[in-house]
Amino acid sequence: MKAFLVRGTFRMGPAWQKFAKEVPAEDAEAAVERMVSELGSKHRVRRNYVRIKDVTPIPVDLVQDPVVRFRLGGSP
């Protein structure tokens, strides 16, 4: 499993909100799917209101989120 930084925007009411989140996943497509799923469950955003700008792989030692670091097997 690898860590990815997913950046983009999603529609929150009448405005578009920017986001950047570290996500553990097998590949970039799985990271996008996980991010869209998470935004839908937490913010009730439909998939067509999520725009992914870029997906960047990041090394495990540069991961900031302790939950992601733990899931990758690193120390928190």
N, C-alpha and C. Protein backbone atom coordinates (compact mmCIF):
# COMPACT_ATOMS: atom_id res chain seq x y z
N MET A 1 0.85 -1.17 0.00
CA MET A 1 0.00 0.00 0.00
C MET A 1 0.90 1.23 0.00
N LYS A 2 0.45 2.27 -0.70
CA LYS A 2 1.21 3.51 -0.82
C LYS A 2 0.37 4.68 -0.29
N ALA A 3 1.01 5.82 -0.15
CA ALA A 3 0.31 7.04 0.27
C ALA A 3 0.21 7.98 -0.92
N PHE A 4 -0.94 8.63 -1.06
CA PHE A 4 -1.16 9.58 -2.14
C PHE A 4 -1.73 10.87 -1.55
N LEU A 5 -1.37 11.99 -2.16
CA LEU A 5 -1.96 13.28 -1.82
C LEU A 5 -2.95 13.61 -2.93
N VAL A 6 -4.23 13.68 -2.57
CA VAL A 6 -5.29 13.95 -3.54
C VAL A 6 -5.74 15.40 -3.34
N ARG A 7 -5.71 16.18 -4.41
CA ARG A 7 -6.13 17.59 -4.36
C ARG A 7 -7.25 17.82 -5.35
N GLY A 8 -8.12 18.76 -5.01
CA GLY A 8 -9.22 19.09 -5.90
C GLY A 8 -10.20 20.03 -5.25
N THR A 9 -11.42 20.06 -5.79
CA THR A 9 -12.50 20.89 -5.26
C THR A 9 -13.78 20.06 -5.22
N PHE A 10 -14.68 20.48 -4.35
CA PHE A 10 -16.01 19.89 -4.33
C PHE A 10 -17.02 20.97 -4.04
N ARG A 11 -18.25 20.73 -4.48
CA ARG A 11 -19.30 21.74 -4.33
C ARG A 11 -19.92 21.64 -2.95
N MET A 12 -19.89 22.76 -2.23
CA MET A 12 -20.45 22.84 -0.89
C MET A 12 -21.45 24.00 -0.91
N GLY A 13 -22.72 23.68 -1.13
CA GLY A 13 -23.72 24.72 -1.29
C GLY A 13 -23.51 25.41 -2.62
N PRO A 14 -23.51 26.75 -2.65
CA PRO A 14 -23.30 27.45 -3.92
C PRO A 14 -21.83 27.64 -4.29
N ALA A 15 -20.91 27.32 -3.38
CA ALA A 15 -19.48 27.58 -3.61
C ALA A 15 -18.71 26.27 -3.81
N TRP A 16 -17.55 26.39 -4.42
CA TRP A 16 -16.64 25.25 -4.58
C TRP A 16 -15.57 25.35 -3.51
N GLN A 17 -15.39 24.27 -2.75
CA GLN A 17 -14.44 24.22 -1.63
C GLN A 17 -13.20 23.42 -2.06
N LYS A 18 -12.01 23.97 -1.81
CA LYS A 18 -10.77 23.26 -2.12
C LYS A 18 -10.49 22.22 -1.04
N PHE A 19 -9.80 21.15 -1.42
CA PHE A 19 -9.37 20.16 -0.44
C PHE A 19 -8.04 19.55 -0.87
N ALA A 20 -7.30 19.07 0.11
CA ALA A 20 -6.08 18.30 -0.10
C ALA A 20 -6.02 17.30 1.04
N LYS A 21 -5.92 16.02 0.70
CA LYS A 21 -5.97 14.98 1.73
C LYS A 21 -5.02 13.85 1.37
N GLU A 22 -4.32 13.35 2.39
CA GLU A 22 -3.48 12.17 2.24
C GLU A 22 -4.34 10.93 2.38
N VAL A 23 -4.15 9.98 1.46
CA VAL A 23 -4.99 8.78 1.42
C VAL A 23 -4.10 7.56 1.21
N PRO A 24 -4.28 6.49 2.00
CA PRO A 24 -3.56 5.25 1.70
C PRO A 24 -4.34 4.45 0.66
N ALA A 25 -3.64 3.95 -0.37
CA ALA A 25 -4.31 3.18 -1.42
C ALA A 25 -3.27 2.37 -2.20
N GLU A 26 -3.76 1.42 -2.99
CA GLU A 26 -2.88 0.59 -3.81
C GLU A 26 -2.34 1.34 -5.02
N ASP A 27 -3.21 2.17 -5.65
CA ASP A 27 -2.78 2.95 -6.82
C ASP A 27 -3.57 4.25 -6.87
N ALA A 28 -3.28 5.09 -7.87
CA ALA A 28 -3.91 6.41 -7.97
C ALA A 28 -5.42 6.32 -8.16
N GLU A 29 -5.88 5.35 -8.96
CA GLU A 29 -7.32 5.20 -9.18
C GLU A 29 -8.04 4.84 -7.89
N ALA A 30 -7.44 3.98 -7.09
CA ALA A 30 -8.05 3.60 -5.81
C ALA A 30 -8.06 4.78 -4.85
N ALA A 31 -7.04 5.64 -4.91
CA ALA A 31 -6.99 6.83 -4.06
C ALA A 31 -8.11 7.80 -4.43
N VAL A 32 -8.35 7.97 -5.72
CA VAL A 32 -9.44 8.86 -6.17
C VAL A 32 -10.78 8.28 -5.73
N GLU A 33 -10.98 6.99 -5.90
CA GLU A 33 -12.24 6.35 -5.50
C GLU A 33 -12.47 6.50 -4.00
N ARG A 34 -11.43 6.31 -3.22
CA ARG A 34 -11.56 6.46 -1.77
C ARG A 34 -11.90 7.89 -1.37
N MET A 35 -11.29 8.87 -2.04
CA MET A 35 -11.54 10.28 -1.73
C MET A 35 -12.98 10.66 -2.08
N VAL A 36 -13.44 10.25 -3.25
CA VAL A 36 -14.82 10.55 -3.67
C VAL A 36 -15.81 9.90 -2.72
N SER A 37 -15.53 8.68 -2.33
CA SER A 37 -16.39 7.96 -1.39
C SER A 37 -16.42 8.66 -0.03
N GLU A 38 -15.26 9.10 0.43
CA GLU A 38 -15.18 9.78 1.73
C GLU A 38 -15.92 11.12 1.72
N LEU A 39 -15.76 11.89 0.65
CA LEU A 39 -16.48 13.17 0.56
C LEU A 39 -17.98 12.94 0.49
N GLY A 40 -18.40 11.90 -0.20
CA GLY A 40 -19.82 11.60 -0.29
C GLY A 40 -20.40 11.20 1.04
N SER A 41 -19.66 10.43 1.82
CA SER A 41 -20.20 9.97 3.10
C SER A 41 -20.16 11.05 4.17
N LYS A 42 -19.11 11.87 4.19
CA LYS A 42 -18.98 12.87 5.25
C LYS A 42 -19.71 14.17 4.95
N HIS A 43 -19.76 14.56 3.66
CA HIS A 43 -20.34 15.84 3.30
C HIS A 43 -21.57 15.73 2.40
N ARG A 44 -21.98 14.49 2.09
CA ARG A 44 -23.15 14.25 1.23
C ARG A 44 -23.00 14.92 -0.13
N VAL A 45 -21.80 14.81 -0.70
CA VAL A 45 -21.50 15.38 -2.00
C VAL A 45 -21.64 14.30 -3.07
N ARG A 46 -22.36 14.59 -4.13
CA ARG A 46 -22.50 13.64 -5.22
C ARG A 46 -21.19 13.59 -6.02
N ARG A 47 -20.98 12.46 -6.67
CA ARG A 47 -19.73 12.25 -7.40
C ARG A 47 -19.50 13.29 -8.50
N ASN A 48 -20.56 13.74 -9.15
CA ASN A 48 -20.37 14.72 -10.22
C ASN A 48 -20.07 16.12 -9.68
N TYR A 49 -20.09 16.32 -8.37
CA TYR A 49 -19.71 17.60 -7.77
C TYR A 49 -18.32 17.55 -7.15
N VAL A 50 -17.55 16.51 -7.47
CA VAL A 50 -16.18 16.39 -7.00
C VAL A 50 -15.27 16.47 -8.21
N ARG A 51 -14.31 17.40 -8.18
CA ARG A 51 -13.34 17.56 -9.26
C ARG A 51 -11.95 17.32 -8.70
N ILE A 52 -11.30 16.29 -9.18
CA ILE A 52 -9.95 15.96 -8.74
C ILE A 52 -8.96 16.71 -9.62
N LYS A 53 -8.08 17.49 -9.00
CA LYS A 53 -7.08 18.25 -9.74
C LYS A 53 -5.86 17.39 -10.03
N ASP A 54 -5.30 16.75 -8.98
CA ASP A 54 -4.15 15.88 -9.18
C ASP A 54 -4.02 14.88 -8.05
N VAL A 55 -3.32 13.80 -8.35
CA VAL A 55 -3.04 12.74 -7.38
C VAL A 55 -1.53 12.52 -7.42
N THR A 56 -0.88 12.74 -6.28
CA THR A 56 0.57 12.66 -6.20
C THR A 56 1.00 11.60 -5.19
N PRO A 57 1.84 10.65 -5.59
CA PRO A 57 2.36 9.70 -4.59
C PRO A 57 3.35 10.41 -3.67
N ILE A 58 3.30 10.08 -2.39
CA ILE A 58 4.22 10.69 -1.44
C ILE A 58 4.94 9.58 -0.66
N PRO A 59 6.22 9.80 -0.34
CA PRO A 59 6.96 8.80 0.44
C PRO A 59 6.39 8.67 1.85
N VAL A 60 6.52 7.49 2.42
CA VAL A 60 5.96 7.22 3.75
C VAL A 60 6.55 8.15 4.80
N ASP A 61 7.83 8.48 4.69
CA ASP A 61 8.45 9.33 5.71
C ASP A 61 7.98 10.78 5.65
N LEU A 62 7.31 11.21 4.57
CA LEU A 62 6.79 12.57 4.47
C LEU A 62 5.29 12.68 4.76
N VAL A 63 4.65 11.57 5.11
CA VAL A 63 3.22 11.57 5.42
C VAL A 63 2.99 12.32 6.74
N GLN A 64 2.07 13.28 6.73
CA GLN A 64 1.77 14.10 7.90
C GLN A 64 0.64 13.52 8.76
N ASP A 65 -0.34 12.90 8.12
CA ASP A 65 -1.52 12.38 8.81
C ASP A 65 -1.15 11.11 9.60
N PRO A 66 -1.31 11.12 10.93
CA PRO A 66 -0.92 9.95 11.72
C PRO A 66 -1.75 8.71 11.42
N VAL A 67 -2.98 8.86 11.03
CA VAL A 67 -3.82 7.70 10.69
C VAL A 67 -3.29 7.02 9.43
N VAL A 68 -2.95 7.80 8.43
CA VAL A 68 -2.41 7.26 7.18
C VAL A 68 -1.06 6.60 7.46
N ARG A 69 -0.22 7.24 8.24
CA ARG A 69 1.09 6.70 8.57
C ARG A 69 0.95 5.35 9.29
N PHE A 70 -0.01 5.26 10.21
CA PHE A 70 -0.24 4.01 10.93
C PHE A 70 -0.70 2.90 9.99
N ARG A 71 -1.61 3.24 9.06
CA ARG A 71 -2.12 2.23 8.12
C ARG A 71 -1.04 1.75 7.17
N LEU A 72 0.00 2.56 6.95
CA LEU A 72 1.08 2.16 6.06
C LEU A 72 2.16 1.38 6.79
N GLY A 73 2.03 1.28 8.11
CA GLY A 73 2.99 0.50 8.88
C GLY A 73 4.12 1.31 9.49
N GLY A 74 4.05 2.62 9.37
CA GLY A 74 5.08 3.48 9.96
C GLY A 74 4.73 3.85 11.38
N SER A 75 5.67 4.46 12.08
CA SER A 75 5.40 4.90 13.46
C SER A 75 4.63 6.22 13.43
N PRO A 76 3.71 6.43 14.37
CA PRO A 76 2.89 7.65 14.36
C PRO A 76 3.61 8.90 14.71
